[in-house]
Amino acid sequence: MESYLDEHERTHMCGELRESHIGDDVTLFGWVDGLRDLGGMVFVDLRDRSGLVQVRFDPEAEEAHEKADNLRNEWCIAIHGEVESRGDNINEEIPTGAVEIAAHDLHVFSEAETPPFPIRDEVDANERLRLKHRYLDLRRQPLQDALMTRSEVNQTTRDYLHDEDFVEVETPYLTRSTPEGARDYLVPSRLDAGQFYALPQSPQLFKQLLMVSGFDKYYQIVRCFRDEDLRADRQPEFTQIDIELSFATTEKVIDTCEGLVTSIFETAADIDLEPPFQRITYDEAMLRYGVDDPDLRFGLEIIDVSDEVADSEFRVFSGTVGDGGYVRGLCVPEGAEHFSRSDIDDLEEFVGIYGAKGLAWSKVEDDGWSGGIARFFDDEETAAINDAMGAESGDLLLFVADDEDVVCASLGHLREELADRLDLIDEGDHEICWITEMPLFEWDDDEERYLAVHHPFTSPRPEDLDTLEENPLEARAQAYDLVWNGHEIGGGSIRIHREDLQWTIFDLLDISEEEAEEKFGFLLEAFKYGPPPHGGIAFGIDRLVMLLTGTERIRDVIAFPKTQRAADLMCDAPSDVDEDQLEELHLSIRDDE
């Protein structure tokens, strides 16, 4: 017996019908989004992933009309009919609003129970409930649009890199544990008792080995895994565009990536970028913006006034400078009238989150300063500070005095908080830049050793090789991050390809020869056989699509995401497993109670 689909094929998607289709016979498949019975005529909104269209069932189409009268929301149906004009009853809210389908035939594929929440663009249902029934949540247009954007990003990436002669290569998901930073997800081996695979945090070592193998240009849209504490923009499994090139300089990597990113933005979000993108060194970014992922859509740059206050009678400032610290501030245009004393107290509490011991302030008037720290400075000193900060009458000056880390963090985030409160950001602006020349190392007080800022395979800048032994913290990396509107969307570096330099870096990171051989021996062995100079980058697709679609939750751009506790509410994972499975894997569960 033939099924309905053996005799009928879909002719159009619901959301693509326009006035140019008037008079066409069409067959549509989809879900009932709403229905109305108006004076004997039944109207059904039919929805698929392309959108929805109105279907009209006239009493004259007796059999179809009778079936339509029994429909309910979320039933899966097919309709056949003719596209007609809606005349003066145009629905301006939807792209198909000028037409409707006069249905001649209706077929019900399946019925549906009442959903646990309404399938609407804007829904007030608890997110846990929606995650439990994710297959229903994914019927909502905003989530479908987000996944369509994600698909566009993936396809554009493949098209662009294929045209640039890159080779797509898949690297293993089951590999060995090389913990650096976040915890690995471990997979027990059934065949080797007590042995474990690890799910990769990144394909870093494999893509470097592909360069040794001579593949020259590699890319992969790859799943990665990190067992770390989660935030709104993090997931335990995430996807990245992974790229590596042989014989590459920083300029070559950046040039390739600017073309890729420009294509992605244009295709997936209709955003026109104009390469080459601005470049800012790490030191400059920290000095001007306090963070290494600055939002350039507004001003409010941080100004260093340490020299101007070094001999001040205000001991909080002069004492800090004398002890090797810094005094930096923000000039808020016309802030004197916008911020009351209680508002400033709120700002002081805000910078305290980032370690600041206080927030000094004063208001600029025609005849000098008023309020806050004004009484500690004479006219000559205030004039010098005003000149350094570009301050004018009516402005508000805010200062933090502390070590560089605290000053940068507190003022960098305060700058963003002020932009939000003062509505300084035009959401239609798109400011993108490269941050370059990052530090190669940072010092960890808890572990009492240097840590790699990027990863242990990042190459130092050639001019800084001589500083490695004497002052490692002064060494800069051949690394680069791409920042869009205050969010890092990609990062990479030129890699170390010389075995002797790699051993030097391992030694500075306090990685013993035994540990290095155990974790990275296969890479070090490969480096004995003519490795080319190489470098690469990775872009986080989840975050990129989140930003392109304007949502604030990364879960909205992933088909089947986890909660902030790394749980899958729909599949009820993680879950218990049978004792037989544990025994096969040579495992037992320890009872800590």
Protein backbone atom coordinates (compact mmCIF):
# COMPACT_ATOMS: atom_id res chain seq x y z
CA MET A 1 0.00 0.00 0.00
CA GLU A 2 1.47 3.35 -1.05
CA SER A 3 1.90 6.06 1.53
CA TYR A 4 0.95 9.68 1.08
CA LEU A 5 4.61 10.58 0.44
CA ASP A 6 4.84 8.06 -2.40
CA GLU A 7 2.23 10.07 -4.30
CA HIS A 8 2.97 13.63 -3.16
CA GLU A 9 6.15 15.70 -2.97
CA ARG A 10 6.62 19.03 -1.24
CA THR A 11 6.73 21.82 -3.82
CA HIS A 12 7.69 24.76 -1.60
CA MET A 13 8.72 25.67 1.91
CA CYS A 14 6.05 27.59 3.83
CA GLY A 15 8.09 30.74 4.34
CA GLU A 16 9.13 31.23 0.72
CA LEU A 17 5.71 31.91 -0.83
CA ARG A 18 5.20 35.44 -2.21
CA GLU A 19 2.86 37.31 -4.56
CA SER A 20 4.86 35.94 -7.50
CA HIS A 21 3.47 32.49 -6.62
CA ILE A 22 -0.20 33.54 -6.92
CA GLY A 23 -2.04 31.01 -9.08
CA ASP A 24 0.44 28.18 -8.40
CA ASP A 25 -0.65 24.80 -7.08
CA VAL A 26 1.48 23.96 -4.06
CA THR A 27 1.99 21.10 -1.64
CA LEU A 28 3.30 22.07 1.78
CA PHE A 29 4.38 20.03 4.81
CA GLY A 30 4.65 21.36 8.34
CA TRP A 31 3.13 21.86 11.78
CA VAL A 32 -0.04 23.64 12.83
CA ASP A 33 1.06 26.91 14.45
CA GLY A 34 -2.45 28.21 15.10
CA LEU A 35 -6.02 27.87 13.82
CA ARG A 36 -9.16 30.00 13.72
CA ASP A 37 -12.74 29.25 12.69
CA LEU A 38 -14.27 32.44 11.25
CA GLY A 39 -17.81 32.15 9.96
CA GLY A 40 -17.41 28.65 8.63
CA MET A 41 -13.99 29.20 7.07
CA VAL A 42 -11.09 27.59 8.95
CA PHE A 43 -7.74 29.36 8.87
CA VAL A 44 -4.55 27.47 9.78
CA ASP A 45 -1.07 28.93 10.19
CA LEU A 46 1.29 26.29 8.80
CA ARG A 47 4.88 26.39 9.97
CA ASP A 48 8.17 24.82 8.88
CA ARG A 49 11.75 25.95 9.45
CA SER A 50 11.48 28.59 6.72
CA GLY A 51 8.57 30.42 8.38
CA LEU A 52 4.80 30.21 8.25
CA VAL A 53 1.96 30.85 5.84
CA GLN A 54 -1.81 31.12 6.25
CA VAL A 55 -3.94 28.29 4.83
CA ARG A 56 -7.68 28.77 4.21
CA PHE A 57 -10.14 25.88 4.26
CA ASP A 58 -13.41 26.86 2.55
CA PRO A 59 -16.65 24.92 3.25
CA GLU A 60 -16.81 24.08 -0.49
CA ALA A 61 -13.74 21.83 -0.05
CA GLU A 62 -15.92 19.68 2.12
CA GLU A 63 -13.58 16.81 3.04
CA ALA A 64 -10.54 19.03 3.72
CA HIS A 65 -12.71 21.51 5.65
CA GLU A 66 -14.09 18.78 7.90
CA LYS A 67 -10.58 17.49 8.66
CA ALA A 68 -9.30 21.00 9.32
CA ASP A 69 -12.04 21.59 11.86
CA ASN A 70 -10.49 18.83 14.01
CA LEU A 71 -6.88 20.03 13.85
CA ARG A 72 -4.93 21.06 16.93
CA ASN A 73 -1.66 22.95 17.44
CA GLU A 74 1.54 21.03 16.60
CA TRP A 75 -0.19 18.37 14.53
CA CYS A 76 2.08 17.43 11.61
CA ILE A 77 0.18 17.77 8.33
CA ALA A 78 0.38 18.19 4.56
CA ILE A 79 -1.85 20.47 2.52
CA HIS A 80 -2.40 20.88 -1.22
CA GLY A 81 -3.95 24.00 -2.66
CA GLU A 82 -3.65 27.18 -4.73
CA VAL A 83 -1.79 30.35 -3.77
CA GLU A 84 -4.14 33.34 -3.66
CA SER A 85 -3.84 37.02 -2.78
CA ARG A 86 -5.01 38.20 0.63
CA GLY A 87 -6.16 41.44 -0.95
CA ASP A 88 -6.39 44.20 1.63
CA ASN A 89 -5.92 41.79 4.54
CA ILE A 90 -2.14 41.75 4.31
CA ASN A 91 -0.27 40.64 7.42
CA GLU A 92 2.77 42.94 7.56
CA GLU A 93 4.28 40.90 10.41
CA ILE A 94 5.35 37.95 8.25
CA PRO A 95 7.10 37.73 4.84
CA THR A 96 4.26 35.59 3.42
CA GLY A 97 1.60 38.00 4.65
CA ALA A 98 0.38 39.05 1.17
CA VAL A 99 -0.75 35.53 0.20
CA GLU A 100 -2.64 32.55 1.55
CA ILE A 101 -3.31 29.00 0.36
CA ALA A 102 -6.84 27.97 -0.61
CA ALA A 103 -6.58 24.32 0.45
CA HIS A 104 -8.13 21.52 -1.57
CA ASP A 105 -6.66 18.61 0.36
CA LEU A 106 -5.41 17.93 3.90
CA HIS A 107 -3.45 14.95 5.17
CA VAL A 108 -2.55 14.36 8.82
CA PHE A 109 0.82 12.67 9.30
CA SER A 110 0.56 12.61 13.09
CA GLU A 111 -1.34 14.14 15.97
CA ALA A 112 0.24 15.86 18.98
CA GLU A 113 -0.46 16.22 22.65
CA THR A 114 -0.64 19.70 24.11
CA PRO A 115 3.00 20.86 24.41
CA PRO A 116 4.32 21.63 27.94
CA PHE A 117 4.94 25.22 26.80
CA PRO A 118 3.72 27.36 23.88
CA ILE A 119 5.71 27.12 20.66
CA ARG A 120 6.14 30.87 20.22
CA ASP A 121 9.05 33.17 19.34
CA GLU A 122 8.88 34.74 22.79
CA VAL A 123 8.13 32.21 25.49
CA ASP A 124 8.10 32.62 29.26
CA ALA A 125 8.66 28.96 30.05
CA ASN A 126 11.40 27.86 32.45
CA GLU A 127 14.61 27.06 30.57
CA ARG A 128 15.00 23.70 32.30
CA LEU A 129 11.56 22.71 31.02
CA ARG A 130 12.53 23.78 27.52
CA LEU A 131 15.82 21.88 27.69
CA LYS A 132 13.94 18.79 28.86
CA HIS A 133 11.81 19.05 25.70
CA ARG A 134 14.52 20.50 23.46
CA TYR A 135 12.99 19.00 20.29
CA LEU A 136 9.95 21.24 20.92
CA ASP A 137 12.01 24.29 21.85
CA LEU A 138 13.86 23.90 18.54
CA ARG A 139 10.58 24.43 16.68
CA ARG A 140 10.66 28.09 17.79
CA GLN A 141 11.81 30.44 15.02
CA PRO A 142 14.61 32.22 16.96
CA LEU A 143 16.37 28.94 17.70
CA GLN A 144 15.85 27.68 14.15
CA ASP A 145 17.26 30.95 12.80
CA ALA A 146 20.28 30.62 15.08
CA LEU A 147 21.03 27.10 13.85
CA MET A 148 20.56 28.23 10.26
CA THR A 149 23.11 30.99 10.90
CA ARG A 150 25.44 28.38 12.35
CA SER A 151 25.01 26.29 9.21
CA GLU A 152 25.85 29.34 7.09
CA VAL A 153 29.02 29.92 9.12
CA ASN A 154 30.11 26.31 8.63
CA GLN A 155 29.37 26.28 4.90
CA THR A 156 31.06 29.63 4.29
CA THR A 157 34.12 28.40 6.18
CA ARG A 158 34.37 25.27 4.07
CA ASP A 159 33.84 27.15 0.80
CA TYR A 160 36.39 29.85 1.61
CA LEU A 161 39.13 27.56 2.90
CA HIS A 162 38.61 25.07 0.06
CA ASP A 163 39.12 27.91 -2.41
CA GLU A 164 42.29 28.85 -0.50
CA ASP A 165 43.63 25.29 -1.04
CA PHE A 166 43.17 24.10 2.55
CA VAL A 167 42.64 20.39 3.21
CA GLU A 168 39.96 19.27 5.67
CA VAL A 169 41.38 16.54 7.91
CA GLU A 170 39.65 14.85 10.84
CA THR A 171 41.75 14.25 13.94
CA PRO A 172 41.06 11.68 16.68
CA TYR A 173 38.55 12.08 19.48
CA LEU A 174 40.10 9.26 21.51
CA THR A 175 43.63 10.29 22.41
CA ARG A 176 45.93 10.47 25.43
CA SER A 177 45.56 12.81 28.37
CA THR A 178 47.89 15.82 28.28
CA PRO A 179 46.31 18.01 30.97
CA GLU A 180 47.30 21.66 30.70
CA GLY A 181 44.76 24.01 32.27
CA ALA A 182 41.24 22.56 32.17
CA ARG A 183 40.50 18.99 33.21
CA ASP A 184 40.18 16.27 30.59
CA TYR A 185 37.14 14.11 30.01
CA LEU A 186 38.43 10.54 30.38
CA VAL A 187 37.21 7.40 28.60
CA PRO A 188 38.17 4.02 30.11
CA SER A 189 39.65 1.38 27.83
CA ARG A 190 37.94 -2.03 27.80
CA LEU A 191 40.92 -3.79 26.25
CA ASP A 192 43.62 -2.28 28.45
CA ALA A 193 42.65 -2.54 32.11
CA GLY A 194 43.26 0.64 34.07
CA GLN A 195 44.13 2.68 30.96
CA PHE A 196 42.19 5.70 29.73
CA TYR A 197 41.70 7.75 26.62
CA ALA A 198 41.03 11.48 26.89
CA LEU A 199 38.68 13.53 24.75
CA PRO A 200 40.70 16.35 23.15
CA GLN A 201 40.61 19.88 24.55
CA SER A 202 41.88 20.91 21.12
CA PRO A 203 43.52 19.21 18.10
CA GLN A 204 46.69 21.23 18.77
CA LEU A 205 49.28 18.44 18.65
CA PHE A 206 47.64 16.63 15.76
CA LYS A 207 47.48 19.70 13.56
CA GLN A 208 51.15 20.37 14.23
CA LEU A 209 51.89 16.78 13.24
CA LEU A 210 49.94 17.32 10.03
CA MET A 211 52.33 20.16 9.23
CA VAL A 212 55.27 17.80 9.81
CA SER A 213 53.46 15.38 7.48
CA GLY A 214 53.53 17.93 4.66
CA PHE A 215 49.83 18.75 4.36
CA ASP A 216 50.78 22.43 4.31
CA LYS A 217 47.27 23.86 4.85
CA TYR A 218 44.86 22.15 7.23
CA TYR A 219 41.46 23.01 8.63
CA GLN A 220 38.74 21.27 10.57
CA ILE A 221 35.38 22.19 12.09
CA VAL A 222 36.03 20.19 15.22
CA ARG A 223 34.40 19.24 18.50
CA CYS A 224 36.50 19.84 21.64
CA PHE A 225 35.91 18.94 25.28
CA ARG A 226 36.84 20.58 28.59
CA ASP A 227 35.72 19.50 32.04
CA GLU A 228 35.66 22.95 33.63
CA ASP A 229 33.37 25.12 35.68
CA LEU A 230 30.81 26.56 33.31
CA ARG A 231 29.48 30.05 32.65
CA ALA A 232 26.75 31.38 30.40
CA ASP A 233 29.07 31.40 27.38
CA ARG A 234 30.80 28.05 28.03
CA GLN A 235 29.86 24.44 27.33
CA PRO A 236 31.68 21.18 28.21
CA GLU A 237 31.71 20.30 24.51
CA PHE A 238 32.24 23.07 22.01
CA THR A 239 33.09 23.54 18.35
CA GLN A 240 35.89 25.49 16.75
CA ILE A 241 37.18 26.33 13.30
CA ASP A 242 40.73 24.98 13.54
CA ILE A 243 43.35 26.18 11.04
CA GLU A 244 47.07 25.53 10.58
CA LEU A 245 49.50 26.60 7.84
CA SER A 246 53.09 25.61 7.06
CA PHE A 247 55.74 28.19 6.18
CA ALA A 248 53.46 30.75 7.75
CA THR A 249 54.23 34.14 9.20
CA THR A 250 51.92 36.11 11.45
CA GLU A 251 51.06 38.25 8.43
CA LYS A 252 50.05 35.22 6.37
CA VAL A 253 47.80 33.82 9.10
CA ILE A 254 46.15 37.19 9.69
CA ASP A 255 45.63 37.80 5.97
CA THR A 256 43.96 34.39 5.55
CA CYS A 257 41.75 34.89 8.60
CA GLU A 258 40.64 38.39 7.64
CA GLY A 259 39.34 37.03 4.35
CA LEU A 260 37.55 34.18 6.11
CA VAL A 261 35.97 36.37 8.79
CA THR A 262 34.87 38.97 6.25
CA SER A 263 33.15 36.24 4.22
CA ILE A 264 31.45 34.76 7.30
CA PHE A 265 30.11 38.11 8.50
CA GLU A 266 28.82 39.06 5.06
CA THR A 267 27.17 35.70 4.31
CA ALA A 268 25.81 34.78 7.73
CA ALA A 269 24.84 38.20 9.11
CA ASP A 270 24.95 40.72 6.22
CA ILE A 271 27.69 42.65 8.04
CA ASP A 272 30.30 44.38 5.88
CA LEU A 273 33.80 44.43 7.38
CA GLU A 274 36.69 46.28 5.81
CA PRO A 275 40.05 44.55 6.15
CA PRO A 276 42.81 45.05 7.03
CA PHE A 277 41.62 45.16 10.62
CA GLN A 278 43.15 47.48 13.18
CA ARG A 279 46.05 46.04 15.19
CA ILE A 280 46.74 46.88 18.83
CA THR A 281 49.59 45.47 20.88
CA TYR A 282 48.75 43.80 24.16
CA ASP A 283 50.60 46.50 26.15
CA GLU A 284 48.71 49.27 24.34
CA ALA A 285 45.37 47.54 24.90
CA MET A 286 46.01 47.17 28.62
CA LEU A 287 47.17 50.78 28.93
CA ARG A 288 44.26 52.32 26.96
CA TYR A 289 41.44 49.91 27.73
CA GLY A 290 42.52 47.84 30.75
CA VAL A 291 41.60 44.51 29.08
CA ASP A 292 43.00 42.43 26.24
CA ASP A 293 39.60 42.18 24.49
CA PRO A 294 38.63 45.87 24.27
CA ASP A 295 35.32 47.15 22.95
CA LEU A 296 36.26 49.91 20.50
CA ARG A 297 32.71 51.11 19.80
CA PHE A 298 33.08 53.98 22.28
CA GLY A 299 35.82 56.18 23.73
CA LEU A 300 36.40 56.51 27.49
CA GLU A 301 40.02 55.48 27.19
CA ILE A 302 42.04 55.01 30.36
CA ILE A 303 44.60 57.74 31.03
CA ASP A 304 47.75 57.28 33.11
CA VAL A 305 48.36 60.27 35.41
CA SER A 306 51.07 58.70 37.56
CA ASP A 307 53.62 61.35 36.59
CA GLU A 308 51.17 64.19 37.27
CA VAL A 309 50.39 62.97 40.81
CA ALA A 310 53.76 61.53 41.84
CA ASP A 311 54.51 64.50 44.14
CA SER A 312 50.95 65.15 45.23
CA GLU A 313 50.03 65.75 48.87
CA PHE A 314 47.35 63.15 48.37
CA ARG A 315 49.26 60.20 49.82
CA VAL A 316 46.97 57.59 48.31
CA PHE A 317 48.24 58.67 44.88
CA SER A 318 51.82 59.69 45.57
CA GLY A 319 52.41 56.75 47.90
CA THR A 320 51.15 54.28 45.32
CA VAL A 321 53.42 55.73 42.63
CA GLY A 322 56.34 55.75 45.07
CA ASP A 323 55.79 52.05 45.73
CA GLY A 324 55.91 51.24 42.02
CA GLY A 325 52.17 51.32 41.39
CA TYR A 326 50.07 53.40 39.03
CA VAL A 327 47.34 56.00 39.13
CA ARG A 328 45.05 55.89 36.12
CA GLY A 329 41.63 57.27 35.47
CA LEU A 330 38.64 57.82 33.21
CA CYS A 331 37.20 61.15 32.13
CA VAL A 332 33.42 60.81 31.80
CA PRO A 333 32.13 63.58 29.49
CA GLU A 334 29.32 65.57 31.17
CA GLY A 335 29.41 63.03 33.96
CA ALA A 336 29.21 65.65 36.70
CA GLU A 337 25.46 66.03 36.22
CA HIS A 338 24.75 62.39 35.34
CA PHE A 339 26.28 60.85 38.48
CA SER A 340 25.20 61.64 42.02
CA ARG A 341 27.27 60.81 45.07
CA SER A 342 25.25 57.62 45.58
CA ASP A 343 25.88 56.68 41.93
CA ILE A 344 29.62 57.10 42.50
CA ASP A 345 29.39 54.96 45.63
CA ASP A 346 27.82 52.24 43.46
CA LEU A 347 30.73 52.56 41.02
CA GLU A 348 33.19 52.26 43.91
CA GLU A 349 31.50 49.04 44.97
CA PHE A 350 31.70 47.83 41.37
CA VAL A 351 35.48 48.33 41.03
CA GLY A 352 35.91 46.56 44.37
CA ILE A 353 34.91 43.36 42.60
CA TYR A 354 38.19 43.62 40.68
CA GLY A 355 40.39 44.30 43.70
CA ALA A 356 40.36 48.10 43.82
CA LYS A 357 40.56 49.46 47.37
CA GLY A 358 38.64 52.59 46.40
CA LEU A 359 37.52 54.89 43.62
CA ALA A 360 38.79 58.46 43.86
CA TRP A 361 36.77 61.11 42.06
CA SER A 362 36.21 64.77 41.40
CA LYS A 363 33.98 66.91 39.23
CA VAL A 364 35.44 69.48 36.83
CA GLU A 365 33.99 72.99 37.01
CA ASP A 366 34.85 76.27 35.30
CA ASP A 367 36.94 77.42 38.25
CA GLY A 368 38.51 74.10 39.26
CA TRP A 369 37.54 70.80 40.84
CA SER A 370 34.77 70.13 43.31
CA GLY A 371 33.91 67.19 45.53
CA GLY A 372 35.79 64.01 46.23
CA ILE A 373 39.55 64.52 46.27
CA ALA A 374 39.43 68.14 45.05
CA ARG A 375 40.77 69.60 48.31
CA PHE A 376 44.07 67.70 48.00
CA PHE A 377 45.13 69.38 44.72
CA ASP A 378 46.04 72.94 43.85
CA ASP A 379 45.10 74.71 40.63
CA GLU A 380 48.38 73.89 38.90
CA GLU A 381 48.02 70.16 39.66
CA THR A 382 44.37 69.99 38.60
CA ALA A 383 45.21 71.84 35.38
CA ALA A 384 47.94 69.31 34.58
CA ILE A 385 45.61 66.37 35.24
CA ASN A 386 42.80 68.01 33.24
CA ASP A 387 45.19 68.50 30.35
CA ALA A 388 46.40 64.87 30.47
CA MET A 389 42.84 63.54 30.60
CA GLY A 390 41.30 65.98 28.12
CA ALA A 391 38.84 67.08 30.82
CA GLU A 392 36.43 69.98 30.41
CA SER A 393 33.95 71.70 32.69
CA GLY A 394 31.06 69.36 33.52
CA ASP A 395 33.13 66.18 33.25
CA LEU A 396 33.54 63.57 35.99
CA LEU A 397 37.02 62.21 36.75
CA LEU A 398 37.39 58.72 38.26
CA PHE A 399 40.71 57.29 39.48
CA VAL A 400 42.11 54.01 40.75
CA ALA A 401 45.54 53.78 42.44
CA ASP A 402 47.06 50.31 42.81
CA ASP A 403 49.33 47.79 41.11
CA GLU A 404 48.99 47.40 37.36
CA ASP A 405 46.81 44.28 37.43
CA VAL A 406 44.21 45.84 39.73
CA VAL A 407 44.23 49.20 37.93
CA CYS A 408 43.75 47.56 34.53
CA ALA A 409 41.05 45.13 35.63
CA SER A 410 39.01 47.65 37.64
CA LEU A 411 39.15 50.53 35.15
CA GLY A 412 38.79 48.22 32.13
CA HIS A 413 35.52 46.82 33.46
CA LEU A 414 34.40 50.18 34.82
CA ARG A 415 34.82 51.62 31.34
CA GLU A 416 32.39 49.01 29.99
CA GLU A 417 29.96 49.55 32.88
CA LEU A 418 29.90 53.30 32.23
CA ALA A 419 29.29 52.76 28.51
CA ASP A 420 26.31 50.60 29.38
CA ARG A 421 24.89 53.07 31.91
CA LEU A 422 25.38 56.04 29.60
CA ASP A 423 24.11 54.17 26.51
CA LEU A 424 27.30 54.95 24.58
CA ILE A 425 27.25 51.84 22.38
CA ASP A 426 25.60 51.82 18.97
CA GLU A 427 24.59 48.17 18.49
CA GLY A 428 24.86 48.67 14.74
CA ASP A 429 28.61 49.35 14.98
CA HIS A 430 31.12 46.57 14.35
CA GLU A 431 34.65 47.25 15.57
CA ILE A 432 37.12 44.44 15.03
CA CYS A 433 40.81 44.37 15.84
CA TRP A 434 43.81 42.12 16.34
CA ILE A 435 45.59 42.06 19.70
CA THR A 436 49.24 41.17 19.13
CA GLU A 437 52.50 40.72 21.04
CA MET A 438 50.97 39.10 24.11
CA PRO A 439 53.25 37.98 26.95
CA LEU A 440 54.71 34.53 26.46
CA PHE A 441 54.58 33.66 30.19
CA GLU A 442 52.78 34.60 33.37
CA TRP A 443 53.83 33.85 36.94
CA ASP A 444 51.63 31.64 39.11
CA ASP A 445 52.09 32.37 42.84
CA ASP A 446 50.29 29.20 43.92
CA GLU A 447 52.40 26.85 41.81
CA GLU A 448 55.49 29.08 42.06
CA ARG A 449 56.36 28.67 38.41
CA TYR A 450 55.85 30.24 35.01
CA LEU A 451 52.78 29.28 32.99
CA ALA A 452 52.29 29.61 29.24
CA VAL A 453 49.80 32.38 28.48
CA HIS A 454 48.70 30.65 25.26
CA HIS A 455 50.15 27.11 25.30
CA PRO A 456 53.64 25.58 25.56
CA PHE A 457 54.07 25.38 21.78
CA THR A 458 53.81 29.13 21.12
CA SER A 459 56.93 30.66 19.63
CA PRO A 460 58.55 33.74 21.17
CA ARG A 461 59.11 36.77 18.98
CA PRO A 462 62.60 36.45 17.44
CA GLU A 463 63.80 39.73 18.98
CA ASP A 464 62.87 38.45 22.46
CA LEU A 465 64.79 35.17 22.37
CA ASP A 466 67.66 36.73 24.32
CA THR A 467 65.33 37.67 27.20
CA LEU A 468 64.08 34.14 27.80
CA GLU A 469 66.74 33.17 30.31
CA GLU A 470 67.21 36.49 32.10
CA ASN A 471 63.64 37.85 32.24
CA PRO A 472 61.02 35.46 30.87
CA LEU A 473 58.12 37.77 31.79
CA GLU A 474 59.45 40.33 29.33
CA ALA A 475 59.32 37.86 26.42
CA ARG A 476 56.50 38.42 23.95
CA ALA A 477 54.75 35.71 21.99
CA GLN A 478 54.14 35.47 18.27
CA ALA A 479 50.46 35.27 19.18
CA TYR A 480 47.35 37.08 18.00
CA ASP A 481 43.73 37.29 19.14
CA LEU A 482 40.84 38.58 17.06
CA VAL A 483 38.42 40.75 19.05
CA TRP A 484 35.00 41.90 17.88
CA ASN A 485 33.01 44.45 19.92
CA GLY A 486 34.78 43.47 23.13
CA HIS A 487 34.65 39.69 22.63
CA GLU A 488 37.53 37.43 21.65
CA ILE A 489 36.32 35.31 18.74
CA GLY A 490 39.60 33.65 17.77
CA GLY A 491 43.18 33.22 18.83
CA GLY A 492 46.35 31.58 17.65
CA SER A 493 50.09 31.80 17.27
CA ILE A 494 53.17 30.88 15.32
CA ARG A 495 54.38 27.56 16.77
CA ILE A 496 57.78 26.41 17.89
CA HIS A 497 59.27 24.09 15.27
CA ARG A 498 62.83 23.84 16.61
CA GLU A 499 63.37 21.03 19.08
CA ASP A 500 66.01 22.93 21.05
CA LEU A 501 63.73 25.95 21.56
CA GLN A 502 60.88 23.70 22.59
CA TRP A 503 63.06 22.17 25.29
CA THR A 504 64.02 25.68 26.49
CA ILE A 505 60.34 26.57 26.88
CA PHE A 506 59.61 23.30 28.68
CA ASP A 507 62.47 24.03 31.08
CA LEU A 508 61.13 27.53 31.84
CA LEU A 509 57.66 26.05 32.44
CA ASP A 510 59.21 23.58 34.89
CA ILE A 511 58.21 20.65 32.68
CA SER A 512 60.81 17.95 33.24
CA GLU A 513 62.30 15.90 30.43
CA GLU A 514 60.49 12.85 31.77
CA GLU A 515 57.13 14.66 31.90
CA ALA A 516 57.62 16.16 28.44
CA GLU A 517 58.46 12.79 26.93
CA GLU A 518 55.46 11.20 28.63
CA LYS A 519 52.98 13.86 27.47
CA PHE A 520 54.42 15.10 24.20
CA GLY A 521 56.99 12.49 23.19
CA PHE A 522 55.34 11.74 19.85
CA LEU A 523 55.47 15.43 18.89
CA LEU A 524 59.09 15.81 19.99
CA GLU A 525 59.99 12.68 18.06
CA ALA A 526 58.32 14.10 14.95
CA PHE A 527 60.32 17.31 15.33
CA LYS A 528 63.48 15.30 14.59
CA TYR A 529 62.34 14.80 11.00
CA GLY A 530 62.32 18.18 9.32
CA PRO A 531 59.35 20.09 10.75
CA PRO A 532 58.43 23.21 8.75
CA PRO A 533 57.81 26.59 10.37
CA HIS A 534 54.07 26.72 11.00
CA GLY A 535 51.29 28.59 12.75
CA GLY A 536 47.55 28.68 13.08
CA ILE A 537 44.44 29.85 14.81
CA ALA A 538 41.11 28.62 16.17
CA PHE A 539 37.74 30.39 16.15
CA GLY A 540 35.03 29.42 18.63
CA ILE A 541 31.94 28.79 16.51
CA ASP A 542 29.52 28.69 19.45
CA ARG A 543 30.54 32.12 20.72
CA LEU A 544 30.80 33.58 17.22
CA VAL A 545 27.26 32.50 16.29
CA MET A 546 25.97 33.67 19.67
CA LEU A 547 27.33 37.14 18.92
CA LEU A 548 26.19 37.15 15.28
CA THR A 549 22.62 36.31 16.30
CA GLY A 550 22.53 38.71 19.25
CA THR A 551 21.54 36.16 21.87
CA GLU A 552 23.07 36.27 25.36
CA ARG A 553 23.06 32.50 25.90
CA ILE A 554 25.42 30.17 24.10
CA ARG A 555 22.87 27.38 24.62
CA ASP A 556 20.60 29.15 22.12
CA VAL A 557 22.99 28.40 19.23
CA ILE A 558 23.68 24.73 20.04
CA ALA A 559 21.13 22.13 18.97
CA PHE A 560 21.34 20.00 22.11
CA PRO A 561 23.26 21.92 24.79
CA LYS A 562 24.14 21.07 28.38
CA THR A 563 23.17 23.00 31.48
CA GLN A 564 25.69 24.94 33.56
CA ARG A 565 26.22 21.70 35.52
CA ALA A 566 27.10 19.91 32.26
CA ALA A 567 23.83 17.92 32.33
CA ASP A 568 21.68 16.91 29.38
CA LEU A 569 18.14 17.22 30.75
CA MET A 570 16.54 15.74 27.64
CA CYS A 571 18.59 12.50 27.63
CA ASP A 572 19.08 12.51 31.40
CA ALA A 573 22.86 12.39 31.08
CA PRO A 574 25.20 11.73 32.79
CA SER A 575 23.54 8.59 34.10
CA ASP A 576 24.24 5.35 35.92
CA VAL A 577 25.48 2.36 33.91
CA ASP A 578 25.00 -1.35 34.45
CA GLU A 579 27.38 -3.25 36.69
CA ASP A 580 28.20 -5.48 33.71
CA GLN A 581 29.43 -2.47 31.76
CA LEU A 582 31.59 -1.33 34.67
CA GLU A 583 33.06 -4.79 35.03
CA GLU A 584 33.94 -4.90 31.31
CA LEU A 585 35.75 -1.60 31.77
CA HIS A 586 37.53 -2.81 34.91
CA LEU A 587 35.85 -0.08 36.98
CA SER A 588 33.99 0.06 40.26
CA ILE A 589 32.10 2.94 41.90
CA ARG A 590 33.54 4.11 45.22
CA ASP A 591 31.00 4.85 47.93
CA ASP A 592 32.12 8.06 49.64
CA GLU A 593 29.27 8.06 52.17
